[in-house]
Amino acid sequence: MHPRYRSPDVAIICYTALAFALSVRSSFEGLVVLSNVAVFLMYLLCFASVWPLVRRPKSPDEHGLSFPGMQLIPAFAIAGVLWLFGSPNPGTRLAGLR
């Protein structure tokens, strides 16, 4: 952490250097695939982090969305992301082109 700005300066510098190196040495298609994999990985992590929140018991004064089968939603979302990871061209599959 940067002592003055409280930002992750080392992570920002490493990410910038990696992005620059990949943009210079890789093709555009490779960067698109890498970007999509990173986005899918972030979705996977977000869906996995929702699971403990859904299972946590609520206090009586807490209001929130609750419905039967709510614990299954993160599992279906994770399964969907894993299915997209396994597909050769997720964009064409979702668009119905294959």
PDB file of N, CA and C in Angstrom:
ATOM      1  N   MET A   1       0.831  -1.179   0.000  1.00  0.00           N
ATOM      2  CA  MET A   1       0.000   0.000   0.000  1.00  0.00           C
ATOM      3  C   MET A   1       0.880   1.248   0.000  1.00  0.00           C
ATOM      4  N   HIS A   2       0.464   2.176  -0.798  1.00  0.00           N
ATOM      5  CA  HIS A   2       1.177   3.439  -0.829  1.00  0.00           C
ATOM      6  C   HIS A   2       0.903   4.185   0.473  1.00  0.00           C
ATOM      7  N   PRO A   3       1.953   4.680   1.147  1.00  0.00           N
ATOM      8  CA  PRO A   3       1.731   5.288   2.463  1.00  0.00           C
ATOM      9  C   PRO A   3       0.877   6.555   2.427  1.00  0.00           C
ATOM     10  N   ARG A   4       0.947   7.304   1.356  1.00  0.00           N
ATOM     11  CA  ARG A   4       0.186   8.563   1.310  1.00  0.00           C
ATOM     12  C   ARG A   4      -1.207   8.389   0.725  1.00  0.00           C
ATOM     13  N   TYR A   5      -1.312   7.663  -0.400  1.00  0.00           N
ATOM     14  CA  TYR A   5      -2.581   7.551  -1.125  1.00  0.00           C
ATOM     15  C   TYR A   5      -3.385   6.311  -0.761  1.00  0.00           C
ATOM     16  N   ARG A   6      -2.788   5.384  -0.019  1.00  0.00           N
ATOM     17  CA  ARG A   6      -3.456   4.143   0.408  1.00  0.00           C
ATOM     18  C   ARG A   6      -3.980   3.342  -0.785  1.00  0.00           C
ATOM     19  N   SER A   7      -3.229   3.326  -1.860  1.00  0.00           N
ATOM     20  CA  SER A   7      -3.583   2.549  -3.047  1.00  0.00           C
ATOM     21  C   SER A   7      -2.581   1.405  -3.199  1.00  0.00           C
ATOM     22  N   PRO A   8      -2.995   0.323  -3.847  1.00  0.00           N
ATOM     23  CA  PRO A   8      -2.076  -0.809  -4.043  1.00  0.00           C
ATOM     24  C   PRO A   8      -1.093  -0.513  -5.171  1.00  0.00           C
ATOM     25  N   ASP A   9      -0.086   0.281  -4.901  1.00  0.00           N
ATOM     26  CA  ASP A   9       0.811   0.765  -5.943  1.00  0.00           C
ATOM     27  C   ASP A   9       1.626  -0.343  -6.592  1.00  0.00           C
ATOM     28  N   VAL A  10       2.078  -1.323  -5.831  1.00  0.00           N
ATOM     29  CA  VAL A  10       2.863  -2.418  -6.418  1.00  0.00           C
ATOM     30  C   VAL A  10       1.984  -3.246  -7.363  1.00  0.00           C
ATOM     31  N   ALA A  11       0.748  -3.516  -6.973  1.00  0.00           N
ATOM     32  CA  ALA A  11      -0.158  -4.277  -7.833  1.00  0.00           C
ATOM     33  C   ALA A  11      -0.477  -3.512  -9.113  1.00  0.00           C
ATOM     34  N   ILE A  12      -0.663  -2.217  -9.002  1.00  0.00           N
ATOM     35  CA  ILE A  12      -0.960  -1.407 -10.189  1.00  0.00           C
ATOM     36  C   ILE A  12       0.232  -1.403 -11.140  1.00  0.00           C
ATOM     37  N   ILE A  13       1.427  -1.270 -10.613  1.00  0.00           N
ATOM     38  CA  ILE A  13       2.630  -1.267 -11.460  1.00  0.00           C
ATOM     39  C   ILE A  13       2.827  -2.633 -12.121  1.00  0.00           C
ATOM     40  N   CYS A  14       2.639  -3.715 -11.366  1.00  0.00           N
ATOM     41  CA  CYS A  14       2.788  -5.064 -11.938  1.00  0.00           C
ATOM     42  C   CYS A  14       1.743  -5.328 -13.012  1.00  0.00           C
ATOM     43  N   TYR A  15       0.506  -4.930 -12.752  1.00  0.00           N
ATOM     44  CA  TYR A  15      -0.567  -5.134 -13.730  1.00  0.00           C
ATOM     45  C   TYR A  15      -0.287  -4.333 -14.998  1.00  0.00           C
ATOM     46  N   THR A  16       0.180  -3.103 -14.839  1.00  0.00           N
ATOM     47  CA  THR A  16       0.489  -2.272 -15.998  1.00  0.00           C
ATOM     48  C   THR A  16       1.628  -2.868 -16.813  1.00  0.00           C
ATOM     49  N   ALA A  17       2.663  -3.346 -16.138  1.00  0.00           N
ATOM     50  CA  ALA A  17       3.792  -3.957 -16.848  1.00  0.00           C
ATOM     51  C   ALA A  17       3.358  -5.222 -17.575  1.00  0.00           C
ATOM     52  N   LEU A  18       2.534  -6.045 -16.934  1.00  0.00           N
ATOM     53  CA  LEU A  18       2.045  -7.263 -17.579  1.00  0.00           C
ATOM     54  C   LEU A  18       1.170  -6.938 -18.786  1.00  0.00           C
ATOM     55  N   ALA A  19       0.277  -5.958 -18.641  1.00  0.00           N
ATOM     56  CA  ALA A  19      -0.587  -5.577 -19.761  1.00  0.00           C
ATOM     57  C   ALA A  19       0.225  -5.032 -20.923  1.00  0.00           C
ATOM     58  N   PHE A  20       1.242  -4.242 -20.616  1.00  0.00           N
ATOM     59  CA  PHE A  20       2.098  -3.707 -21.681  1.00  0.00           C
ATOM     60  C   PHE A  20       2.851  -4.824 -22.387  1.00  0.00           C
ATOM     61  N   ALA A  21       3.435  -5.737 -21.609  1.00  0.00           N
ATOM     62  CA  ALA A  21       4.200  -6.847 -22.204  1.00  0.00           C
ATOM     63  C   ALA A  21       3.299  -7.721 -23.075  1.00  0.00           C
ATOM     64  N   LEU A  22       2.100  -8.005 -22.613  1.00  0.00           N
ATOM     65  CA  LEU A  22       1.195  -8.826 -23.416  1.00  0.00           C
ATOM     66  C   LEU A  22       0.714  -8.099 -24.661  1.00  0.00           C
ATOM     67  N   SER A  23       0.503  -6.804 -24.563  1.00  0.00           N
ATOM     68  CA  SER A  23       0.029  -6.065 -25.734  1.00  0.00           C
ATOM     69  C   SER A  23       1.115  -5.954 -26.797  1.00  0.00           C
ATOM     70  N   VAL A  24       2.364  -5.939 -26.388  1.00  0.00           N
ATOM     71  CA  VAL A  24       3.463  -5.845 -27.350  1.00  0.00           C
ATOM     72  C   VAL A  24       3.762  -7.200 -27.980  1.00  0.00           C
ATOM     73  N   ARG A  25       3.673  -8.281 -27.206  1.00  0.00           N
ATOM     74  CA  ARG A  25       4.115  -9.593 -27.662  1.00  0.00           C
ATOM     75  C   ARG A  25       2.994 -10.500 -28.168  1.00  0.00           C
ATOM     76  N   SER A  26       1.753 -10.151 -27.960  1.00  0.00           N
ATOM     77  CA  SER A  26       0.657 -11.054 -28.301  1.00  0.00           C
ATOM     78  C   SER A  26      -0.193 -10.470 -29.423  1.00  0.00           C
ATOM     79  N   SER A  27      -1.044 -11.329 -29.964  1.00  0.00           N
ATOM     80  CA  SER A  27      -1.975 -10.871 -30.989  1.00  0.00           C
ATOM     81  C   SER A  27      -3.231 -10.321 -30.329  1.00  0.00           C
ATOM     82  N   PHE A  28      -4.032  -9.629 -31.103  1.00  0.00           N
ATOM     83  CA  PHE A  28      -5.268  -9.065 -30.581  1.00  0.00           C
ATOM     84  C   PHE A  28      -6.222 -10.167 -30.126  1.00  0.00           C
ATOM     85  N   GLU A  29      -6.290 -11.252 -30.883  1.00  0.00           N
ATOM     86  CA  GLU A  29      -7.178 -12.357 -30.518  1.00  0.00           C
ATOM     87  C   GLU A  29      -6.764 -12.983 -29.198  1.00  0.00           C
ATOM     88  N   GLY A  30      -5.460 -13.125 -28.981  1.00  0.00           N
ATOM     89  CA  GLY A  30      -4.972 -13.663 -27.714  1.00  0.00           C
ATOM     90  C   GLY A  30      -5.329 -12.770 -26.539  1.00  0.00           C
ATOM     91  N   LEU A  31      -5.257 -11.454 -26.750  1.00  0.00           N
ATOM     92  CA  LEU A  31      -5.627 -10.529 -25.683  1.00  0.00           C
ATOM     93  C   LEU A  31      -7.119 -10.571 -25.396  1.00  0.00           C
ATOM     94  N   VAL A  32      -7.922 -10.755 -26.428  1.00  0.00           N
ATOM     95  CA  VAL A  32      -9.372 -10.857 -26.229  1.00  0.00           C
ATOM     96  C   VAL A  32      -9.697 -12.103 -25.423  1.00  0.00           C
ATOM     97  N   VAL A  33      -9.080 -13.218 -25.764  1.00  0.00           N
ATOM     98  CA  VAL A  33      -9.313 -14.459 -25.024  1.00  0.00           C
ATOM     99  C   VAL A  33      -8.872 -14.300 -23.571  1.00  0.00           C
ATOM    100  N   LEU A  34      -7.706 -13.720 -23.357  1.00  0.00           N
ATOM    101  CA  LEU A  34      -7.212 -13.498 -21.995  1.00  0.00           C
ATOM    102  C   LEU A  34      -8.141 -12.586 -21.210  1.00  0.00           C
ATOM    103  N   SER A  35      -8.660 -11.559 -21.844  1.00  0.00           N
ATOM    104  CA  SER A  35      -9.597 -10.656 -21.179  1.00  0.00           C
ATOM    105  C   SER A  35     -10.880 -11.382 -20.800  1.00  0.00           C
ATOM    106  N   ASN A  36     -11.395 -12.198 -21.703  1.00  0.00           N
ATOM    107  CA  ASN A  36     -12.626 -12.943 -21.404  1.00  0.00           C
ATOM    108  C   ASN A  36     -12.418 -13.948 -20.283  1.00  0.00           C
ATOM    109  N   VAL A  37     -11.279 -14.611 -20.269  1.00  0.00           N
ATOM    110  CA  VAL A  37     -10.990 -15.558 -19.189  1.00  0.00           C
ATOM    111  C   VAL A  37     -10.912 -14.830 -17.856  1.00  0.00           C
ATOM    112  N   ALA A  38     -10.299 -13.646 -17.846  1.00  0.00           N
ATOM    113  CA  ALA A  38     -10.211 -12.868 -16.611  1.00  0.00           C
ATOM    114  C   ALA A  38     -11.594 -12.440 -16.125  1.00  0.00           C
ATOM    115  N   VAL A  39     -12.456 -12.034 -17.047  1.00  0.00           N
ATOM    116  CA  VAL A  39     -13.817 -11.628 -16.661  1.00  0.00           C
ATOM    117  C   VAL A  39     -14.598 -12.827 -16.130  1.00  0.00           C
ATOM    118  N   PHE A  40     -14.500 -13.969 -16.809  1.00  0.00           N
ATOM    119  CA  PHE A  40     -15.196 -15.167 -16.325  1.00  0.00           C
ATOM    120  C   PHE A  40     -14.681 -15.599 -14.956  1.00  0.00           C
ATOM    121  N   LEU A  41     -13.387 -15.461 -14.743  1.00  0.00           N
ATOM    122  CA  LEU A  41     -12.816 -15.808 -13.441  1.00  0.00           C
ATOM    123  C   LEU A  41     -13.349 -14.881 -12.351  1.00  0.00           C
ATOM    124  N   MET A  42     -13.477 -13.606 -12.653  1.00  0.00           N
ATOM    125  CA  MET A  42     -14.038 -12.674 -11.669  1.00  0.00           C
ATOM    126  C   MET A  42     -15.507 -13.008 -11.373  1.00  0.00           C
ATOM    127  N   TYR A  43     -16.277 -13.344 -12.403  1.00  0.00           N
ATOM    128  CA  TYR A  43     -17.665 -13.771 -12.181  1.00  0.00           C
ATOM    129  C   TYR A  43     -17.702 -15.017 -11.297  1.00  0.00           C
ATOM    130  N   LEU A  44     -16.823 -15.969 -11.580  1.00  0.00           N
ATOM    131  CA  LEU A  44     -16.783 -17.201 -10.798  1.00  0.00           C
ATOM    132  C   LEU A  44     -16.484 -16.902  -9.331  1.00  0.00           C
ATOM    133  N   LEU A  45     -15.520 -16.035  -9.076  1.00  0.00           N
ATOM    134  CA  LEU A  45     -15.192 -15.674  -7.705  1.00  0.00           C
ATOM    135  C   LEU A  45     -16.338 -14.923  -7.021  1.00  0.00           C
ATOM    136  N   CYS A  46     -17.006 -14.057  -7.745  1.00  0.00           N
ATOM    137  CA  CYS A  46     -18.153 -13.331  -7.166  1.00  0.00           C
ATOM    138  C   CYS A  46     -19.295 -14.277  -6.832  1.00  0.00           C
ATOM    139  N   PHE A  47     -19.606 -15.198  -7.730  1.00  0.00           N
ATOM    140  CA  PHE A  47     -20.681 -16.153  -7.459  1.00  0.00           C
ATOM    141  C   PHE A  47     -20.330 -17.054  -6.287  1.00  0.00           C
ATOM    142  N   ALA A  48     -19.060 -17.448  -6.200  1.00  0.00           N
ATOM    143  CA  ALA A  48     -18.637 -18.294  -5.077  1.00  0.00           C
ATOM    144  C   ALA A  48     -18.692 -17.529  -3.759  1.00  0.00           C
ATOM    145  N   SER A  49     -18.447 -16.232  -3.793  1.00  0.00           N
ATOM    146  CA  SER A  49     -18.500 -15.452  -2.554  1.00  0.00           C
ATOM    147  C   SER A  49     -19.927 -15.186  -2.103  1.00  0.00           C
ATOM    148  N   VAL A  50     -20.890 -15.288  -2.996  1.00  0.00           N
ATOM    149  CA  VAL A  50     -22.290 -15.084  -2.618  1.00  0.00           C
ATOM    150  C   VAL A  50     -22.814 -16.264  -1.807  1.00  0.00           C
ATOM    151  N   TRP A  51     -22.276 -17.440  -2.061  1.00  0.00           N
ATOM    152  CA  TRP A  51     -22.776 -18.653  -1.411  1.00  0.00           C
ATOM    153  C   TRP A  51     -22.803 -18.549   0.113  1.00  0.00           C
ATOM    154  N   PRO A  52     -21.711 -18.145   0.782  1.00  0.00           N
ATOM    155  CA  PRO A  52     -21.792 -18.019   2.255  1.00  0.00           C
ATOM    156  C   PRO A  52     -22.763 -16.931   2.709  1.00  0.00           C
ATOM    157  N   LEU A  53     -22.916 -15.879   1.924  1.00  0.00           N
ATOM    158  CA  LEU A  53     -23.845 -14.813   2.307  1.00  0.00           C
ATOM    159  C   LEU A  53     -25.287 -15.287   2.253  1.00  0.00           C
ATOM    160  N   VAL A  54     -25.600 -16.113   1.282  1.00  0.00           N
ATOM    161  CA  VAL A  54     -26.971 -16.623   1.153  1.00  0.00           C
ATOM    162  C   VAL A  54     -27.283 -17.596   2.286  1.00  0.00           C
ATOM    163  N   ARG A  55     -26.294 -18.367   2.706  1.00  0.00           N
ATOM    164  CA  ARG A  55     -26.517 -19.382   3.738  1.00  0.00           C
ATOM    165  C   ARG A  55     -26.492 -18.807   5.151  1.00  0.00           C
ATOM    166  N   ARG A  56     -25.997 -17.590   5.321  1.00  0.00           N
ATOM    167  CA  ARG A  56     -25.885 -16.982   6.645  1.00  0.00           C
ATOM    168  C   ARG A  56     -27.275 -16.690   7.206  1.00  0.00           C
ATOM    169  N   PRO A  57     -27.532 -17.067   8.465  1.00  0.00           N
ATOM    170  CA  PRO A  57     -28.845 -16.769   9.048  1.00  0.00           C
ATOM    171  C   PRO A  57     -29.005 -15.265   9.283  1.00  0.00           C
ATOM    172  N   LYS A  58     -30.228 -14.808   9.093  1.00  0.00           N
ATOM    173  CA  LYS A  58     -30.534 -13.393   9.264  1.00  0.00           C
ATOM    174  C   LYS A  58     -31.095 -13.154  10.660  1.00  0.00           C
ATOM    175  N   SER A  59     -30.801 -11.995  11.187  1.00  0.00           N
ATOM    176  CA  SER A  59     -31.383 -11.624  12.470  1.00  0.00           C
ATOM    177  C   SER A  59     -32.829 -11.192  12.248  1.00  0.00           C
ATOM    178  N   PRO A  60     -33.656 -11.192  13.290  1.00  0.00           N
ATOM    179  CA  PRO A  60     -35.071 -10.834  13.107  1.00  0.00           C
ATOM    180  C   PRO A  60     -35.294  -9.413  12.601  1.00  0.00           C
ATOM    181  N   ASP A  61     -34.388  -8.492  12.921  1.00  0.00           N
ATOM    182  CA  ASP A  61     -34.590  -7.120  12.468  1.00  0.00           C
ATOM    183  C   ASP A  61     -33.986  -6.841  11.092  1.00  0.00           C
ATOM    184  N   GLU A  62     -33.364  -7.848  10.491  1.00  0.00           N
ATOM    185  CA  GLU A  62     -32.760  -7.705   9.168  1.00  0.00           C
ATOM    186  C   GLU A  62     -33.788  -8.033   8.089  1.00  0.00           C
ATOM    187  N   HIS A  63     -33.893  -7.162   7.102  1.00  0.00           N
ATOM    188  CA  HIS A  63     -34.800  -7.391   5.970  1.00  0.00           C
ATOM    189  C   HIS A  63     -33.973  -7.632   4.726  1.00  0.00           C
ATOM    190  N   GLY A  64     -34.402  -8.541   3.928  1.00  0.00           N
ATOM    191  CA  GLY A  64     -33.692  -8.830   2.690  1.00  0.00           C
ATOM    192  C   GLY A  64     -34.492  -9.784   1.827  1.00  0.00           C
ATOM    193  N   LEU A  65     -33.999 -10.001   0.652  1.00  0.00           N
ATOM    194  CA  LEU A  65     -34.652 -10.899  -0.285  1.00  0.00           C
ATOM    195  C   LEU A  65     -34.474 -12.337   0.174  1.00  0.00           C
ATOM    196  N   SER A  66     -35.562 -13.065   0.202  1.00  0.00           N
ATOM    197  CA  SER A  66     -35.513 -14.470   0.587  1.00  0.00           C
ATOM    198  C   SER A  66     -36.624 -15.209  -0.139  1.00  0.00           C
ATOM    199  N   PHE A  67     -36.281 -16.330  -0.736  1.00  0.00           N
ATOM    200  CA  PHE A  67     -37.272 -17.151  -1.421  1.00  0.00           C
ATOM    201  C   PHE A  67     -36.800 -18.596  -1.416  1.00  0.00           C
ATOM    202  N   PRO A  68     -37.710 -19.533  -1.595  1.00  0.00           N
ATOM    203  CA  PRO A  68     -37.318 -20.947  -1.595  1.00  0.00           C
ATOM    204  C   PRO A  68     -36.351 -21.246  -2.744  1.00  0.00           C
ATOM    205  N   GLY A  69     -35.316 -21.998  -2.447  1.00  0.00           N
ATOM    206  CA  GLY A  69     -34.341 -22.368  -3.457  1.00  0.00           C
ATOM    207  C   GLY A  69     -33.280 -21.312  -3.708  1.00  0.00           C
ATOM    208  N   MET A  70     -33.229 -20.317  -2.852  1.00  0.00           N
ATOM    209  CA  MET A  70     -32.269 -19.233  -3.055  1.00  0.00           C
ATOM    210  C   MET A  70     -30.822 -19.717  -2.969  1.00  0.00           C
ATOM    211  N   GLN A  71     -30.581 -20.791  -2.224  1.00  0.00           N
ATOM    212  CA  GLN A  71     -29.230 -21.310  -2.086  1.00  0.00           C
ATOM    213  C   GLN A  71     -28.726 -21.961  -3.367  1.00  0.00           C
ATOM    214  N   LEU A  72     -29.627 -22.274  -4.294  1.00  0.00           N
ATOM    215  CA  LEU A  72     -29.230 -22.924  -5.540  1.00  0.00           C
ATOM    216  C   LEU A  72     -28.762 -21.942  -6.612  1.00  0.00           C
ATOM    217  N   ILE A  73     -29.102 -20.677  -6.473  1.00  0.00           N
ATOM    218  CA  ILE A  73     -28.760 -19.682  -7.494  1.00  0.00           C
ATOM    219  C   ILE A  73     -27.247 -19.571  -7.696  1.00  0.00           C
ATOM    220  N   PRO A  74     -26.418 -19.445  -6.627  1.00  0.00           N
ATOM    221  CA  PRO A  74     -24.970 -19.403  -6.875  1.00  0.00           C
ATOM    222  C   PRO A  74     -24.434 -20.676  -7.532  1.00  0.00           C
ATOM    223  N   ALA A  75     -24.998 -21.826  -7.187  1.00  0.00           N
ATOM    224  CA  ALA A  75     -24.542 -23.079  -7.795  1.00  0.00           C
ATOM    225  C   ALA A  75     -24.833 -23.086  -9.296  1.00  0.00           C
ATOM    226  N   PHE A  76     -26.028 -22.624  -9.687  1.00  0.00           N
ATOM    227  CA  PHE A  76     -26.355 -22.556 -11.116  1.00  0.00           C
ATOM    228  C   PHE A  76     -25.463 -21.540 -11.831  1.00  0.00           C
ATOM    229  N   ALA A  77     -25.170 -20.430 -11.178  1.00  0.00           N
ATOM    230  CA  ALA A  77     -24.308 -19.416 -11.790  1.00  0.00           C
ATOM    231  C   ALA A  77     -22.891 -19.947 -11.976  1.00  0.00           C
ATOM    232  N   ILE A  78     -22.369 -20.645 -10.985  1.00  0.00           N
ATOM    233  CA  ILE A  78     -21.028 -21.239 -11.098  1.00  0.00           C
ATOM    234  C   ILE A  78     -21.006 -22.287 -12.200  1.00  0.00           C
ATOM    235  N   ALA A  79     -22.059 -23.094 -12.269  1.00  0.00           N
ATOM    236  CA  ALA A  79     -22.135 -24.108 -13.330  1.00  0.00           C
ATOM    237  C   ALA A  79     -22.170 -23.444 -14.710  1.00  0.00           C
ATOM    238  N   GLY A  80     -22.883 -22.335 -14.830  1.00  0.00           N
ATOM    239  CA  GLY A  80     -22.930 -21.619 -16.102  1.00  0.00           C
ATOM    240  C   GLY A  80     -21.577 -21.069 -16.519  1.00  0.00           C
ATOM    241  N   VAL A  81     -20.843 -20.509 -15.567  1.00  0.00           N
ATOM    242  CA  VAL A  81     -19.512 -19.981 -15.882  1.00  0.00           C
ATOM    243  C   VAL A  81     -18.579 -21.122 -16.272  1.00  0.00           C
ATOM    244  N   LEU A  82     -18.638 -22.235 -15.556  1.00  0.00           N
ATOM    245  CA  LEU A  82     -17.788 -23.381 -15.905  1.00  0.00           C
ATOM    246  C   LEU A  82     -18.154 -23.933 -17.275  1.00  0.00           C
ATOM    247  N   TRP A  83     -19.433 -23.908 -17.615  1.00  0.00           N
ATOM    248  CA  TRP A  83     -19.876 -24.350 -18.940  1.00  0.00           C
ATOM    249  C   TRP A  83     -19.292 -23.428 -20.014  1.00  0.00           C
ATOM    250  N   LEU A  84     -19.303 -22.105 -19.748  1.00  0.00           N
ATOM    251  CA  LEU A  84     -18.728 -21.170 -20.714  1.00  0.00           C
ATOM    252  C   LEU A  84     -17.216 -21.342 -20.828  1.00  0.00           C
ATOM    253  N   PHE A  85     -16.547 -21.664 -19.722  1.00  0.00           N
ATOM    254  CA  PHE A  85     -15.116 -21.940 -19.785  1.00  0.00           C
ATOM    255  C   PHE A  85     -14.837 -23.132 -20.690  1.00  0.00           C
ATOM    256  N   GLY A  86     -15.705 -24.118 -20.672  1.00  0.00           N
ATOM    257  CA  GLY A  86     -15.486 -25.324 -21.452  1.00  0.00           C
ATOM    258  C   GLY A  86     -15.839 -25.190 -22.915  1.00  0.00           C
ATOM    259  N   SER A  87     -16.572 -24.174 -23.284  1.00  0.00           N
ATOM    260  CA  SER A  87     -16.981 -24.046 -24.678  1.00  0.00           C
ATOM    261  C   SER A  87     -15.858 -23.408 -25.498  1.00  0.00           C
ATOM    262  N   PRO A  88     -15.685 -23.843 -26.728  1.00  0.00           N
ATOM    263  CA  PRO A  88     -14.593 -23.301 -27.545  1.00  0.00           C
ATOM    264  C   PRO A  88     -14.789 -21.832 -27.899  1.00  0.00           C
ATOM    265  N   ASN A  89     -15.990 -21.439 -28.223  1.00  0.00           N
ATOM    266  CA  ASN A  89     -16.300 -20.050 -28.580  1.00  0.00           C
ATOM    267  C   ASN A  89     -17.588 -19.651 -27.873  1.00  0.00           C
ATOM    268  N   PRO A  90     -17.491 -19.153 -26.627  1.00  0.00           N
ATOM    269  CA  PRO A  90     -18.718 -18.862 -25.890  1.00  0.00           C
ATOM    270  C   PRO A  90     -19.585 -17.805 -26.547  1.00  0.00           C
ATOM    271  N   GLY A  91     -18.995 -16.831 -27.212  1.00  0.00           N
ATOM    272  CA  GLY A  91     -19.789 -15.788 -27.854  1.00  0.00           C
ATOM    273  C   GLY A  91     -20.646 -16.337 -28.969  1.00  0.00           C
ATOM    274  N   THR A  92     -20.112 -17.223 -29.789  1.00  0.00           N
ATOM    275  CA  THR A  92     -20.897 -17.791 -30.872  1.00  0.00           C
ATOM    276  C   THR A  92     -21.931 -18.766 -30.350  1.00  0.00           C
ATOM    277  N   ARG A  93     -21.610 -19.464 -29.256  1.00  0.00           N
ATOM    278  CA  ARG A  93     -22.592 -20.395 -28.684  1.00  0.00           C
ATOM    279  C   ARG A  93     -23.773 -19.621 -28.107  1.00  0.00           C
ATOM    280  N   LEU A  94     -23.507 -18.532 -27.394  1.00  0.00           N
ATOM    281  CA  LEU A  94     -24.592 -17.757 -26.798  1.00  0.00           C
ATOM    282  C   LEU A  94     -25.433 -17.067 -27.862  1.00  0.00           C
ATOM    283  N   ALA A  95     -24.820 -16.683 -28.966  1.00  0.00           N
ATOM    284  CA  ALA A  95     -25.556 -16.013 -30.033  1.00  0.00           C
ATOM    285  C   ALA A  95     -26.318 -17.009 -30.903  1.00  0.00           C
ATOM    286  N   GLY A  96     -26.113 -18.305 -30.688  1.00  0.00           N
ATOM    287  CA  GLY A  96     -26.815 -19.316 -31.470  1.00  0.00           C
ATOM    288  C   GLY A  96     -26.199 -19.548 -32.834  1.00  0.00           C
ATOM    289  N   LEU A  97     -24.951 -19.161 -33.012  1.00  0.00           N
ATOM    290  CA  LEU A  97     -24.314 -19.318 -34.310  1.00  0.00           C
ATOM    291  C   LEU A  97     -23.695 -20.685 -34.500  1.00  0.00           C
ATOM    292  N   ARG A  98     -23.556 -21.461 -33.426  1.00  0.00           N
ATOM    293  CA  ARG A  98     -22.996 -22.814 -33.567  1.00  0.00           C
ATOM    294  C   ARG A  98     -23.936 -23.826 -33.038  1.00  0.00           C
TER     295      ARG A  98
END
